[in-house]
Every structure is written in C-alpha cells, then in structure tokens.
Amino acid sequence: MSDSPKTLLLVDGSSYLYRAYHALPDLRNGEGLPTGAIYGMINMLRKLRNDYPAEYSACVFDAKGKTFRDDMYPAYKEHRPSMPEDLARQIEPIHEAVRALGWPIVVVDGVEADDVIGTLSRQATEQGVRTVVSTGDKDLAQLVNDQVTLVNTMSGEVLDPPGVAAKFGVPPERIIDYLSLIGDAVDNVPGVPKVGPKTAVKWLAEHGSLDGVMAAAPGMKGVVGENLRNTLDWLPMARKLVTVKTDCDLSKAVADFHALRETGEDKDKLVEFFQRYGFKTWLREATGERLPDARAQARARAAAAPAPAQGGLFDAPAAATGNVVE
C-alpha cells in the first residue's frame, strides 16, 4: 500500500463558468442552443482529472441569492453585471455534464464557492490530505500552504507558497492584508485610494502586517499616507470581506470531504448528453463509432491545411463547422 498522501481535487466552478464562456466563440448545437461554456467546462474537467489524479473531487458553485458578505456590506458586488442570457441557459446543462463526468457538485446557501473551497481544504489538511484547487481567482491564494496548491488550467500556472510569493510579492499568509490594502474592484470592495500592489507590498514588507501598516499610519508621508489615515476605519471591514472562511457549516450539502470520493464517468449519460448537445467528436469517442468516410476526408483536408495559432485549453472543437459544435 502506498504511503503517499491522498488528494482532494476542487474546482472553482463559478470562476470557470465565466472563463469558459468568454474564452470560446459563440458555439451552438444543431438546434441553436449555446454550448461554448458547456464545452469548455467538460474539456477542463477531463484534462484536470487526467493531470491531477485524486481520491476525492468536487466542483463547487456559488448558490443563488445573498451571502453573509451582503449582510455585512450591502454594496458588495453591486457593480457586477447580471449573467449573460446565453451563459444562464447553459448552467443546468453544465451541472448535468459535471455529474455525468463523475464530479460531485457542492452548493451551499448563504456562502460563496470560495468559502466552501476554503472549508473543505481545511478539513482535508487537518486529516493529512493534500488539496489541489483549480481556479483563476486570486483571492484563493490566501489558502495556499504546504498542503494546498492552486492550479490554473487555462494558463498552466501552479501556485505553491513560493509561487504565491513570486507572483504577488507577499506570502500566502499576507494575501488577506494585501487584498485589504489594494481592494477588489471585481467584488466592489474598496481598498486604500491610490494604493496599488507595489505600495501594498512595500508597506507589508516594512511593517509586517495590515495591523502594522495601520499602526504606522500617523507617520506615513504624502497623499498615500493621508489616504491610509482616512481609510483606517474601513480597513477592518475590507479585511473581513476579502477573507475566505474556512469554518462554514456544509452539513446541508455534504458531510465532509470524505463524501466526495471519485466515482468515474457515467458513459451512458455522457453518450446521451453528447448526442443532445451535438458534441459529435466526443460522441464517437464514447461509442467507438467509426468516422464516416466524408468526415474522414474532411479531416484529412484540414490536416493538410496550414496549422492555426496554438491555443489553450478551451480551443473550439476541431471538427466545428462555422459555429456549430461538432
């Protein structure tokens, strides 16, 4: 029996929904239904599972409705536009595909996907299980430690503790302080006006922590020093808003990470799903169907054509005709 630690593989599904949607062209099946985000999610999940084998896995999505952060700060995320209609139409199919691929889905009312990921990561760490989190969200860098690693399947970036320090200029344990100072425009969380990453890193290097920066505020010179002093009353709230919770009650959704055991793909469900949404290449792979002669000839012609620019994980299907998914 291997003594190597087991792995929990978590996907920030809410982050990848949007990234998949915006990374691909307007793909549609034969009935005109949008399928780009669906295609991107399936492609990402399959590659991720291949690259990071794990005993436990889950795809975590935000729940509908408000969270505890909205109660603390009503302006939280208020500037975010509503979800594009074509993406909204793909949410239920994406959930269906994720389950057919063998990934448990975790959604918890009142908390964000980040907090669910943080809590599951803490549970795993406490029991000696390493965690790999697939996300493009910088906020989750605060979770990184010797047992928790972030991977970005779109860019290939892998963040362990040295990687976080190299990217942000501060170690994982200072990411909360760093975000409090610079703010988070995406979530509409103000920081200190005119303070960007360079100043935040400089201050934290000099004063050790957000509390140290705040204590040194009276002696700060210039406009940024004045801005810091004017923001002192706000910074504790900013810190609460950018802090990922690791102690959420997940009991209504999942007992603990042990319930997220790997189950494998449901081939029958995937075949039906690929038929319904027009993913013909995947359908042929799933059924072992031989490629029709006409299609084989088309592929041969495509192979002889000049190669397109190298893309990434979410390239459109090679057999697509126009914007209709093949």
C-alpha atoms as a PDB file:
ATOM      1  CA  MET A   1       0.000   0.000   0.000  1.00  0.00           C
ATOM      2  CA  SER A   2       1.324   3.442  -0.909  1.00  0.00           C
ATOM      3  CA  ASP A   3       2.168   5.820   1.921  1.00  0.00           C
ATOM      4  CA  SER A   4       1.747   8.896  -0.307  1.00  0.00           C
ATOM      5  CA  PRO A   5      -0.931  11.322   0.886  1.00  0.00           C
ATOM      6  CA  LYS A   6      -4.345  11.248  -0.693  1.00  0.00           C
ATOM      7  CA  THR A   7      -5.574  14.190  -2.738  1.00  0.00           C
ATOM      8  CA  LEU A   8      -8.733  16.297  -2.761  1.00  0.00           C
ATOM      9  CA  LEU A   9      -9.277  17.988  -6.132  1.00  0.00           C
ATOM     10  CA  LEU A  10     -11.583  21.015  -6.010  1.00  0.00           C
ATOM     11  CA  VAL A  11     -12.805  23.061  -8.962  1.00  0.00           C
ATOM     12  CA  ASP A  12     -13.957  26.646  -8.566  1.00  0.00           C
ATOM     13  CA  GLY A  13     -16.912  26.066 -10.878  1.00  0.00           C
ATOM     14  CA  SER A  14     -18.294  29.586 -10.619  1.00  0.00           C
ATOM     15  CA  SER A  15     -14.984  31.052 -11.760  1.00  0.00           C
ATOM     16  CA  TYR A  16     -14.662  28.678 -14.678  1.00  0.00           C
ATOM     17  CA  LEU A  17     -18.217  29.185 -15.915  1.00  0.00           C
ATOM     18  CA  TYR A  18     -17.376  32.716 -16.926  1.00  0.00           C
ATOM     19  CA  ARG A  19     -13.886  31.956 -18.106  1.00  0.00           C
ATOM     20  CA  ALA A  20     -15.105  29.173 -20.378  1.00  0.00           C
ATOM     21  CA  TYR A  21     -17.933  31.349 -21.676  1.00  0.00           C
ATOM     22  CA  HIS A  22     -15.659  34.248 -22.596  1.00  0.00           C
ATOM     23  CA  ALA A  23     -12.773  32.105 -23.869  1.00  0.00           C
ATOM     24  CA  LEU A  24     -14.751  30.388 -26.626  1.00  0.00           C
ATOM     25  CA  PRO A  25     -16.634  31.713 -29.651  1.00  0.00           C
ATOM     26  CA  ASP A  26     -20.426  31.540 -29.849  1.00  0.00           C
ATOM     27  CA  LEU A  27     -20.683  27.764 -30.240  1.00  0.00           C
ATOM     28  CA  ARG A  28     -24.139  26.246 -30.750  1.00  0.00           C
ATOM     29  CA  ASN A  29     -25.577  22.836 -31.462  1.00  0.00           C
ATOM     30  CA  GLY A  30     -27.840  21.969 -34.376  1.00  0.00           C
ATOM     31  CA  GLU A  31     -30.882  23.345 -32.547  1.00  0.00           C
ATOM     32  CA  GLY A  32     -29.211  26.697 -31.950  1.00  0.00           C
ATOM     33  CA  LEU A  33     -28.602  26.183 -28.220  1.00  0.00           C
ATOM     34  CA  PRO A  34     -25.425  27.852 -26.869  1.00  0.00           C
ATOM     35  CA  THR A  35     -22.793  25.287 -25.923  1.00  0.00           C
ATOM     36  CA  GLY A  36     -19.456  27.099 -25.603  1.00  0.00           C
ATOM     37  CA  ALA A  37     -19.351  27.206 -21.799  1.00  0.00           C
ATOM     38  CA  ILE A  38     -20.516  23.584 -21.634  1.00  0.00           C
ATOM     39  CA  TYR A  39     -17.741  22.526 -23.978  1.00  0.00           C
ATOM     40  CA  GLY A  40     -15.135  24.465 -22.022  1.00  0.00           C
ATOM     41  CA  MET A  41     -16.179  23.018 -18.674  1.00  0.00           C
ATOM     42  CA  ILE A  42     -16.152  19.431 -19.942  1.00  0.00           C
ATOM     43  CA  ASN A  43     -12.780  19.916 -21.579  1.00  0.00           C
ATOM     44  CA  MET A  44     -11.296  21.486 -18.457  1.00  0.00           C
ATOM     45  CA  LEU A  45     -12.642  18.852 -16.077  1.00  0.00           C
ATOM     46  CA  ARG A  46     -11.410  15.958 -18.187  1.00  0.00           C
ATOM     47  CA  LYS A  47      -7.929  17.437 -18.551  1.00  0.00           C
ATOM     48  CA  LEU A  48      -7.762  18.328 -14.871  1.00  0.00           C
ATOM     49  CA  ARG A  49      -8.674  14.816 -13.765  1.00  0.00           C
ATOM     50  CA  ASN A  50      -6.055  13.395 -16.096  1.00  0.00           C
ATOM     51  CA  ASP A  51      -3.352  15.792 -14.862  1.00  0.00           C
ATOM     52  CA  TYR A  52      -4.219  15.554 -11.147  1.00  0.00           C
ATOM     53  CA  PRO A  53      -5.476  12.088 -10.157  1.00  0.00           C
ATOM     54  CA  ALA A  54      -7.303  12.305  -6.845  1.00  0.00           C
ATOM     55  CA  GLU A  55      -9.201  10.103  -4.425  1.00  0.00           C
ATOM     56  CA  TYR A  56     -11.699  12.897  -3.706  1.00  0.00           C
ATOM     57  CA  SER A  57     -13.044  15.590  -6.021  1.00  0.00           C
ATOM     58  CA  ALA A  58     -15.823  18.151  -6.305  1.00  0.00           C
ATOM     59  CA  CYS A  59     -16.954  21.034  -8.464  1.00  0.00           C
ATOM     60  CA  VAL A  60     -18.081  23.928  -6.262  1.00  0.00           C
ATOM     61  CA  PHE A  61     -20.555  26.554  -7.460  1.00  0.00           C
ATOM     62  CA  ASP A  62     -21.991  29.706  -5.900  1.00  0.00           C
ATOM     63  CA  ALA A  63     -25.526  29.378  -4.598  1.00  0.00           C
ATOM     64  CA  LYS A  64     -28.243  31.733  -5.756  1.00  0.00           C
ATOM     65  CA  GLY A  65     -29.137  34.635  -3.513  1.00  0.00           C
ATOM     66  CA  LYS A  66     -27.310  36.731  -0.977  1.00  0.00           C
ATOM     67  CA  THR A  67     -24.465  35.685   1.268  1.00  0.00           C
ATOM     68  CA  PHE A  68     -23.213  36.767   4.668  1.00  0.00           C
ATOM     69  CA  ARG A  69     -20.975  39.343   2.940  1.00  0.00           C
ATOM     70  CA  ASP A  70     -24.036  41.108   1.520  1.00  0.00           C
ATOM     71  CA  ASP A  71     -25.359  41.386   5.061  1.00  0.00           C
ATOM     72  CA  MET A  72     -22.070  42.936   6.229  1.00  0.00           C
ATOM     73  CA  TYR A  73     -21.721  45.281   3.267  1.00  0.00           C
ATOM     74  CA  PRO A  74     -24.815  45.854   1.072  1.00  0.00           C
ATOM     75  CA  ALA A  75     -22.679  47.279  -1.756  1.00  0.00           C
ATOM     76  CA  TYR A  76     -20.760  44.005  -2.073  1.00  0.00           C
ATOM     77  CA  LYS A  77     -20.565  43.018  -5.758  1.00  0.00           C
ATOM     78  CA  GLU A  78     -23.283  45.536  -6.602  1.00  0.00           C
ATOM     79  CA  HIS A  79     -21.485  46.674  -9.768  1.00  0.00           C
ATOM     80  CA  ARG A  80     -21.342  43.196 -11.277  1.00  0.00           C
ATOM     81  CA  PRO A  81     -23.493  42.876 -14.397  1.00  0.00           C
ATOM     82  CA  SER A  82     -26.133  40.169 -14.495  1.00  0.00           C
ATOM     83  CA  MET A  83     -25.160  36.848 -16.023  1.00  0.00           C
ATOM     84  CA  PRO A  84     -25.387  36.860 -19.853  1.00  0.00           C
ATOM     85  CA  GLU A  85     -28.532  35.091 -21.009  1.00  0.00           C
ATOM     86  CA  ASP A  86     -26.629  32.626 -23.179  1.00  0.00           C
ATOM     87  CA  LEU A  87     -24.493  31.617 -20.183  1.00  0.00           C
ATOM     88  CA  ALA A  88     -27.528  31.337 -17.910  1.00  0.00           C
ATOM     89  CA  ARG A  89     -29.068  28.896 -20.412  1.00  0.00           C
ATOM     90  CA  GLN A  90     -26.018  26.669 -20.037  1.00  0.00           C
ATOM     91  CA  ILE A  91     -25.959  26.408 -16.235  1.00  0.00           C
ATOM     92  CA  GLU A  92     -28.293  23.422 -15.877  1.00  0.00           C
ATOM     93  CA  PRO A  93     -26.641  21.504 -18.750  1.00  0.00           C
ATOM     94  CA  ILE A  94     -23.233  22.206 -17.201  1.00  0.00           C
ATOM     95  CA  HIS A  95     -24.370  20.775 -13.870  1.00  0.00           C
ATOM     96  CA  GLU A  96     -25.748  17.739 -15.697  1.00  0.00           C
ATOM     97  CA  ALA A  97     -22.476  17.229 -17.561  1.00  0.00           C
ATOM     98  CA  VAL A  98     -20.377  17.678 -14.422  1.00  0.00           C
ATOM     99  CA  ARG A  99     -22.335  14.948 -12.642  1.00  0.00           C
ATOM    100  CA  ALA A 100     -22.111  12.627 -15.649  1.00  0.00           C
ATOM    101  CA  LEU A 101     -18.344  13.125 -15.616  1.00  0.00           C
ATOM    102  CA  GLY A 102     -18.344  11.777 -12.064  1.00  0.00           C
ATOM    103  CA  TRP A 103     -17.753  15.020 -10.183  1.00  0.00           C
ATOM    104  CA  PRO A 104     -19.877  15.680  -7.089  1.00  0.00           C
ATOM    105  CA  ILE A 105     -21.366  19.183  -7.107  1.00  0.00           C
ATOM    106  CA  VAL A 106     -21.329  21.215  -3.900  1.00  0.00           C
ATOM    107  CA  VAL A 107     -23.523  24.302  -3.482  1.00  0.00           C
ATOM    108  CA  VAL A 108     -24.152  25.840  -0.059  1.00  0.00           C
ATOM    109  CA  ASP A 109     -26.745  28.556   0.543  1.00  0.00           C
ATOM    110  CA  GLY A 110     -25.506  31.773   2.112  1.00  0.00           C
ATOM    111  CA  VAL A 111     -21.802  31.306   1.372  1.00  0.00           C
ATOM    112  CA  GLU A 112     -19.711  31.676  -1.742  1.00  0.00           C
ATOM    113  CA  ALA A 113     -17.886  28.925  -3.596  1.00  0.00           C
ATOM    114  CA  ASP A 114     -14.594  30.334  -2.235  1.00  0.00           C
ATOM    115  CA  ASP A 115     -15.724  29.722   1.331  1.00  0.00           C
ATOM    116  CA  VAL A 116     -16.847  26.168   0.575  1.00  0.00           C
ATOM    117  CA  ILE A 117     -13.463  25.506  -1.023  1.00  0.00           C
ATOM    118  CA  GLY A 118     -11.713  27.049   1.975  1.00  0.00           C
ATOM    119  CA  THR A 119     -13.640  24.901   4.421  1.00  0.00           C
ATOM    120  CA  LEU A 120     -13.123  21.652   2.503  1.00  0.00           C
ATOM    121  CA  SER A 121      -9.422  22.468   2.129  1.00  0.00           C
ATOM    122  CA  ARG A 122      -9.078  22.999   5.875  1.00  0.00           C
ATOM    123  CA  GLN A 123     -10.886  19.717   6.619  1.00  0.00           C
ATOM    124  CA  ALA A 124      -8.568  17.851   4.265  1.00  0.00           C
ATOM    125  CA  THR A 125      -5.428  19.488   5.642  1.00  0.00           C
ATOM    126  CA  GLU A 126      -6.391  18.574   9.188  1.00  0.00           C
ATOM    127  CA  GLN A 127      -6.550  14.920   8.131  1.00  0.00           C
ATOM    128  CA  GLY A 128      -3.319  14.875   6.160  1.00  0.00           C
ATOM    129  CA  VAL A 129      -4.943  15.034   2.732  1.00  0.00           C
ATOM    130  CA  ARG A 130      -3.395  17.404   0.209  1.00  0.00           C
ATOM    131  CA  THR A 131      -5.700  19.709  -1.767  1.00  0.00           C
ATOM    132  CA  VAL A 132      -5.418  20.922  -5.337  1.00  0.00           C
ATOM    133  CA  VAL A 133      -7.730  23.833  -6.190  1.00  0.00           C
ATOM    134  CA  SER A 134      -8.364  24.664  -9.831  1.00  0.00           C
ATOM    135  CA  THR A 135      -9.227  28.354 -10.113  1.00  0.00           C
ATOM    136  CA  GLY A 136      -8.314  31.655 -11.672  1.00  0.00           C
ATOM    137  CA  ASP A 137      -9.362  33.625  -8.577  1.00  0.00           C
ATOM    138  CA  LYS A 138      -6.513  35.493  -6.873  1.00  0.00           C
ATOM    139  CA  ASP A 139      -8.447  35.600  -3.577  1.00  0.00           C
ATOM    140  CA  LEU A 140      -7.874  31.869  -3.081  1.00  0.00           C
ATOM    141  CA  ALA A 141      -4.111  32.395  -2.925  1.00  0.00           C
ATOM    142  CA  GLN A 142      -4.656  33.000   0.806  1.00  0.00           C
ATOM    143  CA  LEU A 143      -5.444  29.283   1.191  1.00  0.00           C
ATOM    144  CA  VAL A 144      -2.104  28.092  -0.166  1.00  0.00           C
ATOM    145  CA  ASN A 145       0.203  26.235   2.192  1.00  0.00           C
ATOM    146  CA  ASP A 146       2.372  23.125   2.116  1.00  0.00           C
ATOM    147  CA  GLN A 147      -0.790  21.037   1.716  1.00  0.00           C
ATOM    148  CA  VAL A 148      -2.844  23.289  -0.598  1.00  0.00           C
ATOM    149  CA  THR A 149      -1.864  24.189  -4.168  1.00  0.00           C
ATOM    150  CA  LEU A 150      -3.671  26.303  -6.762  1.00  0.00           C
ATOM    151  CA  VAL A 151      -3.631  25.393 -10.447  1.00  0.00           C
ATOM    152  CA  ASN A 152      -4.946  27.419 -13.373  1.00  0.00           C
ATOM    153  CA  THR A 153      -5.763  25.070 -16.230  1.00  0.00           C
ATOM    154  CA  MET A 154      -6.131  27.930 -18.688  1.00  0.00           C
ATOM    155  CA  SER A 155      -2.680  29.412 -18.135  1.00  0.00           C
ATOM    156  CA  GLY A 156      -0.833  26.391 -16.757  1.00  0.00           C
ATOM    157  CA  GLU A 157       0.090  28.358 -13.633  1.00  0.00           C
ATOM    158  CA  VAL A 158       0.725  26.399 -10.435  1.00  0.00           C
ATOM    159  CA  LEU A 159       0.911  28.276  -7.123  1.00  0.00           C
ATOM    160  CA  ASP A 160       2.559  26.751  -4.079  1.00  0.00           C
ATOM    161  CA  PRO A 161       3.840  29.011  -1.246  1.00  0.00           C
ATOM    162  CA  PRO A 162       6.946  30.152  -3.170  1.00  0.00           C
ATOM    163  CA  GLY A 163       4.797  30.646  -6.257  1.00  0.00           C
ATOM    164  CA  VAL A 164       2.383  32.927  -4.397  1.00  0.00           C
ATOM    165  CA  ALA A 165       5.273  34.998  -3.058  1.00  0.00           C
ATOM    166  CA  ALA A 166       6.800  35.283  -6.525  1.00  0.00           C
ATOM    167  CA  LYS A 167       3.518  36.339  -8.125  1.00  0.00           C
ATOM    168  CA  PHE A 168       2.158  38.756  -5.521  1.00  0.00           C
ATOM    169  CA  GLY A 169       5.276  39.809  -3.613  1.00  0.00           C
ATOM    170  CA  VAL A 170       3.860  38.551  -0.323  1.00  0.00           C
ATOM    171  CA  PRO A 171       3.490  35.028   1.139  1.00  0.00           C
ATOM    172  CA  PRO A 172       0.071  33.327   1.313  1.00  0.00           C
ATOM    173  CA  GLU A 173      -0.444  34.355   4.956  1.00  0.00           C
ATOM    174  CA  ARG A 174      -0.253  38.035   3.924  1.00  0.00           C
ATOM    175  CA  ILE A 175      -2.623  37.822   0.934  1.00  0.00           C
ATOM    176  CA  ILE A 176      -5.587  38.954   3.047  1.00  0.00           C
ATOM    177  CA  ASP A 177      -3.657  42.040   4.184  1.00  0.00           C
ATOM    178  CA  TYR A 178      -2.506  42.693   0.616  1.00  0.00           C
ATOM    179  CA  LEU A 179      -6.065  42.497  -0.771  1.00  0.00           C
ATOM    180  CA  SER A 180      -7.383  44.697   2.046  1.00  0.00           C
ATOM    181  CA  LEU A 181      -4.956  47.445   1.065  1.00  0.00           C
ATOM    182  CA  ILE A 182      -5.425  47.336  -2.714  1.00  0.00           C
ATOM    183  CA  GLY A 183      -9.128  46.463  -2.624  1.00  0.00           C
ATOM    184  CA  ASP A 184     -11.033  44.211  -5.010  1.00  0.00           C
ATOM    185  CA  ALA A 185     -12.748  46.067  -7.839  1.00  0.00           C
ATOM    186  CA  VAL A 186     -14.446  42.891  -9.095  1.00  0.00           C
ATOM    187  CA  ASP A 187     -16.263  42.436  -5.776  1.00  0.00           C
ATOM    188  CA  ASN A 188     -16.632  46.189  -5.201  1.00  0.00           C
ATOM    189  CA  VAL A 189     -14.501  46.128  -2.065  1.00  0.00           C
ATOM    190  CA  PRO A 190     -12.594  49.430  -1.729  1.00  0.00           C
ATOM    191  CA  GLY A 191      -9.002  49.480  -0.539  1.00  0.00           C
ATOM    192  CA  VAL A 192      -6.824  52.476   0.258  1.00  0.00           C
ATOM    193  CA  PRO A 193      -7.215  55.037  -2.573  1.00  0.00           C
ATOM    194  CA  LYS A 194      -4.154  55.287  -4.860  1.00  0.00           C
ATOM    195  CA  VAL A 195      -2.557  52.241  -3.231  1.00  0.00           C
ATOM    196  CA  GLY A 196      -1.690  49.540  -5.733  1.00  0.00           C
ATOM    197  CA  PRO A 197       0.240  46.264  -5.498  1.00  0.00           C
ATOM    198  CA  LYS A 198       3.706  47.884  -5.316  1.00  0.00           C
ATOM    199  CA  THR A 199       2.817  50.153  -2.402  1.00  0.00           C
ATOM    200  CA  ALA A 200       0.961  47.377  -0.597  1.00  0.00           C
ATOM    201  CA  VAL A 201       3.929  45.032  -0.916  1.00  0.00           C
ATOM    202  CA  LYS A 202       6.309  47.780   0.253  1.00  0.00           C
ATOM    203  CA  TRP A 203       4.194  48.614   3.290  1.00  0.00           C
ATOM    204  CA  LEU A 204       3.772  44.975   4.284  1.00  0.00           C
ATOM    205  CA  ALA A 205       7.491  44.344   3.920  1.00  0.00           C
ATOM    206  CA  GLU A 206       8.239  47.339   6.140  1.00  0.00           C
ATOM    207  CA  HIS A 207       5.532  46.865   8.756  1.00  0.00           C
ATOM    208  CA  GLY A 208       4.867  43.120   8.677  1.00  0.00           C
ATOM    209  CA  SER A 209       1.082  43.034   8.503  1.00  0.00           C
ATOM    210  CA  LEU A 210      -2.046  45.096   7.906  1.00  0.00           C
ATOM    211  CA  ASP A 211      -2.193  45.841  11.635  1.00  0.00           C
ATOM    212  CA  GLY A 212       1.408  47.024  11.466  1.00  0.00           C
ATOM    213  CA  VAL A 213       0.632  49.265   8.492  1.00  0.00           C
ATOM    214  CA  MET A 214      -2.365  50.731  10.301  1.00  0.00           C
ATOM    215  CA  ALA A 215      -0.279  51.368  13.423  1.00  0.00           C
ATOM    216  CA  ALA A 216       2.311  53.198  11.318  1.00  0.00           C
ATOM    217  CA  ALA A 217      -0.299  55.370   9.579  1.00  0.00           C
ATOM    218  CA  PRO A 218       0.317  58.532  11.658  1.00  0.00           C
ATOM    219  CA  GLY A 219       3.868  58.757  10.336  1.00  0.00           C
ATOM    220  CA  MET A 220       3.093  57.973   6.695  1.00  0.00           C
ATOM    221  CA  LYS A 221       4.004  60.814   4.366  1.00  0.00           C
ATOM    222  CA  GLY A 222       2.402  62.142   1.212  1.00  0.00           C
ATOM    223  CA  VAL A 223      -1.008  61.643  -0.344  1.00  0.00           C
ATOM    224  CA  VAL A 224      -0.995  57.878   0.176  1.00  0.00           C
ATOM    225  CA  GLY A 225      -0.278  58.390   3.863  1.00  0.00           C
ATOM    226  CA  GLU A 226      -3.243  60.730   4.126  1.00  0.00           C
ATOM    227  CA  ASN A 227      -5.394  58.276   2.186  1.00  0.00           C
ATOM    228  CA  LEU A 228      -4.358  55.492   4.542  1.00  0.00           C
ATOM    229  CA  ARG A 229      -5.308  57.558   7.593  1.00  0.00           C
ATOM    230  CA  ASN A 230      -8.660  58.385   6.015  1.00  0.00           C
ATOM    231  CA  THR A 231      -9.292  54.671   5.394  1.00  0.00           C
ATOM    232  CA  LEU A 232      -8.365  53.314   8.819  1.00  0.00           C
ATOM    233  CA  ASP A 233     -11.979  52.928   9.930  1.00  0.00           C
ATOM    234  CA  TRP A 234     -12.810  50.979   6.760  1.00  0.00           C
ATOM    235  CA  LEU A 235      -9.874  48.557   6.611  1.00  0.00           C
ATOM    236  CA  PRO A 236     -11.171  46.098   9.251  1.00  0.00           C
ATOM    237  CA  MET A 237     -14.328  45.666   7.167  1.00  0.00           C
ATOM    238  CA  ALA A 238     -12.291  45.269   3.980  1.00  0.00           C
ATOM    239  CA  ARG A 239     -10.299  42.537   5.723  1.00  0.00           C
ATOM    240  CA  LYS A 240     -13.476  40.678   6.683  1.00  0.00           C
ATOM    241  CA  LEU A 241     -14.856  40.901   3.150  1.00  0.00           C
ATOM    242  CA  VAL A 242     -11.744  39.541   1.423  1.00  0.00           C
ATOM    243  CA  THR A 243     -11.130  36.777   3.974  1.00  0.00           C
ATOM    244  CA  VAL A 244     -12.136  33.331   2.731  1.00  0.00           C
ATOM    245  CA  LYS A 245     -13.957  31.492   5.506  1.00  0.00           C
ATOM    246  CA  THR A 246     -12.668  28.053   6.401  1.00  0.00           C
ATOM    247  CA  ASP A 247     -15.231  27.152   9.062  1.00  0.00           C
ATOM    248  CA  CYS A 248     -18.529  27.132   7.155  1.00  0.00           C
ATOM    249  CA  ASP A 249     -21.315  24.724   8.049  1.00  0.00           C
ATOM    250  CA  LEU A 250     -21.504  22.490   4.977  1.00  0.00           C
ATOM    251  CA  SER A 251     -23.674  19.811   6.571  1.00  0.00           C
ATOM    252  CA  LYS A 252     -26.741  20.522   4.420  1.00  0.00           C
ATOM    253  CA  ALA A 253     -24.729  19.934   1.252  1.00  0.00           C
ATOM    254  CA  VAL A 254     -22.011  17.444   2.161  1.00  0.00           C
ATOM    255  CA  ALA A 255     -20.997  15.691   5.375  1.00  0.00           C
ATOM    256  CA  ASP A 256     -17.286  16.341   4.809  1.00  0.00           C
ATOM    257  CA  PHE A 257     -14.708  15.816   2.087  1.00  0.00           C
ATOM    258  CA  HIS A 258     -14.837  12.027   2.591  1.00  0.00           C
ATOM    259  CA  ALA A 259     -18.236  12.093   0.857  1.00  0.00           C
ATOM    260  CA  LEU A 260     -16.536  13.369  -2.303  1.00  0.00           C
ATOM    261  CA  ARG A 261     -14.947  10.109  -3.386  1.00  0.00           C
ATOM    262  CA  GLU A 262     -14.047   9.641  -7.034  1.00  0.00           C
ATOM    263  CA  THR A 263     -16.847   7.799  -8.897  1.00  0.00           C
ATOM    264  CA  GLY A 264     -15.768   7.836 -12.543  1.00  0.00           C
ATOM    265  CA  GLU A 265     -17.704   8.820 -15.637  1.00  0.00           C
ATOM    266  CA  ASP A 266     -21.221   7.563 -16.395  1.00  0.00           C
ATOM    267  CA  LYS A 267     -20.757   6.530 -20.021  1.00  0.00           C
ATOM    268  CA  ASP A 268     -24.457   6.061 -20.798  1.00  0.00           C
ATOM    269  CA  LYS A 269     -25.355   9.519 -19.515  1.00  0.00           C
ATOM    270  CA  LEU A 270     -22.452  11.087 -21.375  1.00  0.00           C
ATOM    271  CA  VAL A 271     -23.447   9.425 -24.653  1.00  0.00           C
ATOM    272  CA  GLU A 272     -26.983  10.781 -24.325  1.00  0.00           C
ATOM    273  CA  PHE A 273     -25.658  14.211 -23.341  1.00  0.00           C
ATOM    274  CA  PHE A 274     -23.189  14.378 -26.248  1.00  0.00           C
ATOM    275  CA  GLN A 275     -25.992  13.392 -28.636  1.00  0.00           C
ATOM    276  CA  ARG A 276     -28.338  16.045 -27.291  1.00  0.00           C
ATOM    277  CA  TYR A 277     -25.834  18.894 -27.439  1.00  0.00           C
ATOM    278  CA  GLY A 278     -24.124  17.940 -30.671  1.00  0.00           C
ATOM    279  CA  PHE A 279     -20.655  17.065 -29.373  1.00  0.00           C
ATOM    280  CA  LYS A 280     -20.080  14.618 -32.215  1.00  0.00           C
ATOM    281  CA  THR A 281     -16.362  14.039 -31.746  1.00  0.00           C
ATOM    282  CA  TRP A 282     -16.827  13.133 -28.080  1.00  0.00           C
ATOM    283  CA  LEU A 283     -19.843  11.007 -29.011  1.00  0.00           C
ATOM    284  CA  ARG A 284     -17.797   8.999 -31.486  1.00  0.00           C
ATOM    285  CA  GLU A 285     -15.075   8.530 -28.888  1.00  0.00           C
ATOM    286  CA  ALA A 286     -17.615   7.384 -26.284  1.00  0.00           C
ATOM    287  CA  THR A 287     -19.376   4.923 -28.587  1.00  0.00           C
ATOM    288  CA  GLY A 288     -16.377   3.748 -30.578  1.00  0.00           C
ATOM    289  CA  GLU A 289     -18.194   4.678 -33.775  1.00  0.00           C
ATOM    290  CA  ARG A 290     -16.023   4.729 -36.875  1.00  0.00           C
ATOM    291  CA  LEU A 291     -15.598   8.057 -38.584  1.00  0.00           C
ATOM    292  CA  PRO A 292     -17.740   8.322 -41.778  1.00  0.00           C
ATOM    293  CA  ASP A 293     -15.725   8.459 -44.983  1.00  0.00           C
ATOM    294  CA  ALA A 294     -16.833  12.018 -45.780  1.00  0.00           C
ATOM    295  CA  ARG A 295     -15.821  13.225 -42.365  1.00  0.00           C
ATOM    296  CA  ALA A 296     -12.500  11.380 -42.600  1.00  0.00           C
ATOM    297  CA  GLN A 297     -11.826  13.108 -45.887  1.00  0.00           C
ATOM    298  CA  ALA A 298     -12.679  16.488 -44.366  1.00  0.00           C
ATOM    299  CA  ARG A 299     -10.268  15.832 -41.515  1.00  0.00           C
ATOM    300  CA  ALA A 300      -7.567  14.850 -43.954  1.00  0.00           C
ATOM    301  CA  ARG A 301      -8.052  18.108 -45.834  1.00  0.00           C
ATOM    302  CA  ALA A 302      -7.961  20.041 -42.567  1.00  0.00           C
ATOM    303  CA  ALA A 303      -4.754  18.270 -41.533  1.00  0.00           C
ATOM    304  CA  ALA A 304      -3.120  19.326 -44.802  1.00  0.00           C
ATOM    305  CA  ALA A 305      -4.082  22.979 -44.297  1.00  0.00           C
ATOM    306  CA  PRO A 306      -1.731  25.449 -42.520  1.00  0.00           C
ATOM    307  CA  ALA A 307      -1.809  24.938 -38.778  1.00  0.00           C
ATOM    308  CA  PRO A 308      -3.703  27.609 -36.779  1.00  0.00           C
ATOM    309  CA  ALA A 309      -2.040  29.547 -33.980  1.00  0.00           C
ATOM    310  CA  GLN A 310      -1.512  27.452 -30.886  1.00  0.00           C
ATOM    311  CA  GLY A 311      -4.397  27.919 -28.456  1.00  0.00           C
ATOM    312  CA  GLY A 312      -5.165  26.820 -24.957  1.00  0.00           C
ATOM    313  CA  LEU A 313      -7.364  24.502 -23.019  1.00  0.00           C
ATOM    314  CA  PHE A 314     -10.595  25.993 -24.300  1.00  0.00           C
ATOM    315  CA  ASP A 315      -9.918  25.861 -28.050  1.00  0.00           C
ATOM    316  CA  ALA A 316     -13.091  25.335 -30.064  1.00  0.00           C
ATOM    317  CA  PRO A 317     -13.716  21.733 -31.214  1.00  0.00           C
ATOM    318  CA  ALA A 318     -11.507  20.884 -34.180  1.00  0.00           C
ATOM    319  CA  ALA A 319     -14.439  19.461 -36.123  1.00  0.00           C
ATOM    320  CA  ALA A 320     -16.650  22.515 -35.748  1.00  0.00           C
ATOM    321  CA  THR A 321     -18.343  23.785 -38.883  1.00  0.00           C
ATOM    322  CA  GLY A 322     -18.828  27.513 -38.532  1.00  0.00           C
ATOM    323  CA  ASN A 323     -20.028  27.999 -35.001  1.00  0.00           C
ATOM    324  CA  VAL A 324     -21.962  24.746 -34.766  1.00  0.00           C
ATOM    325  CA  VAL A 325     -20.365  22.357 -32.314  1.00  0.00           C
ATOM    326  CA  GLU A 326     -19.328  19.035 -33.788  1.00  0.00           C
END
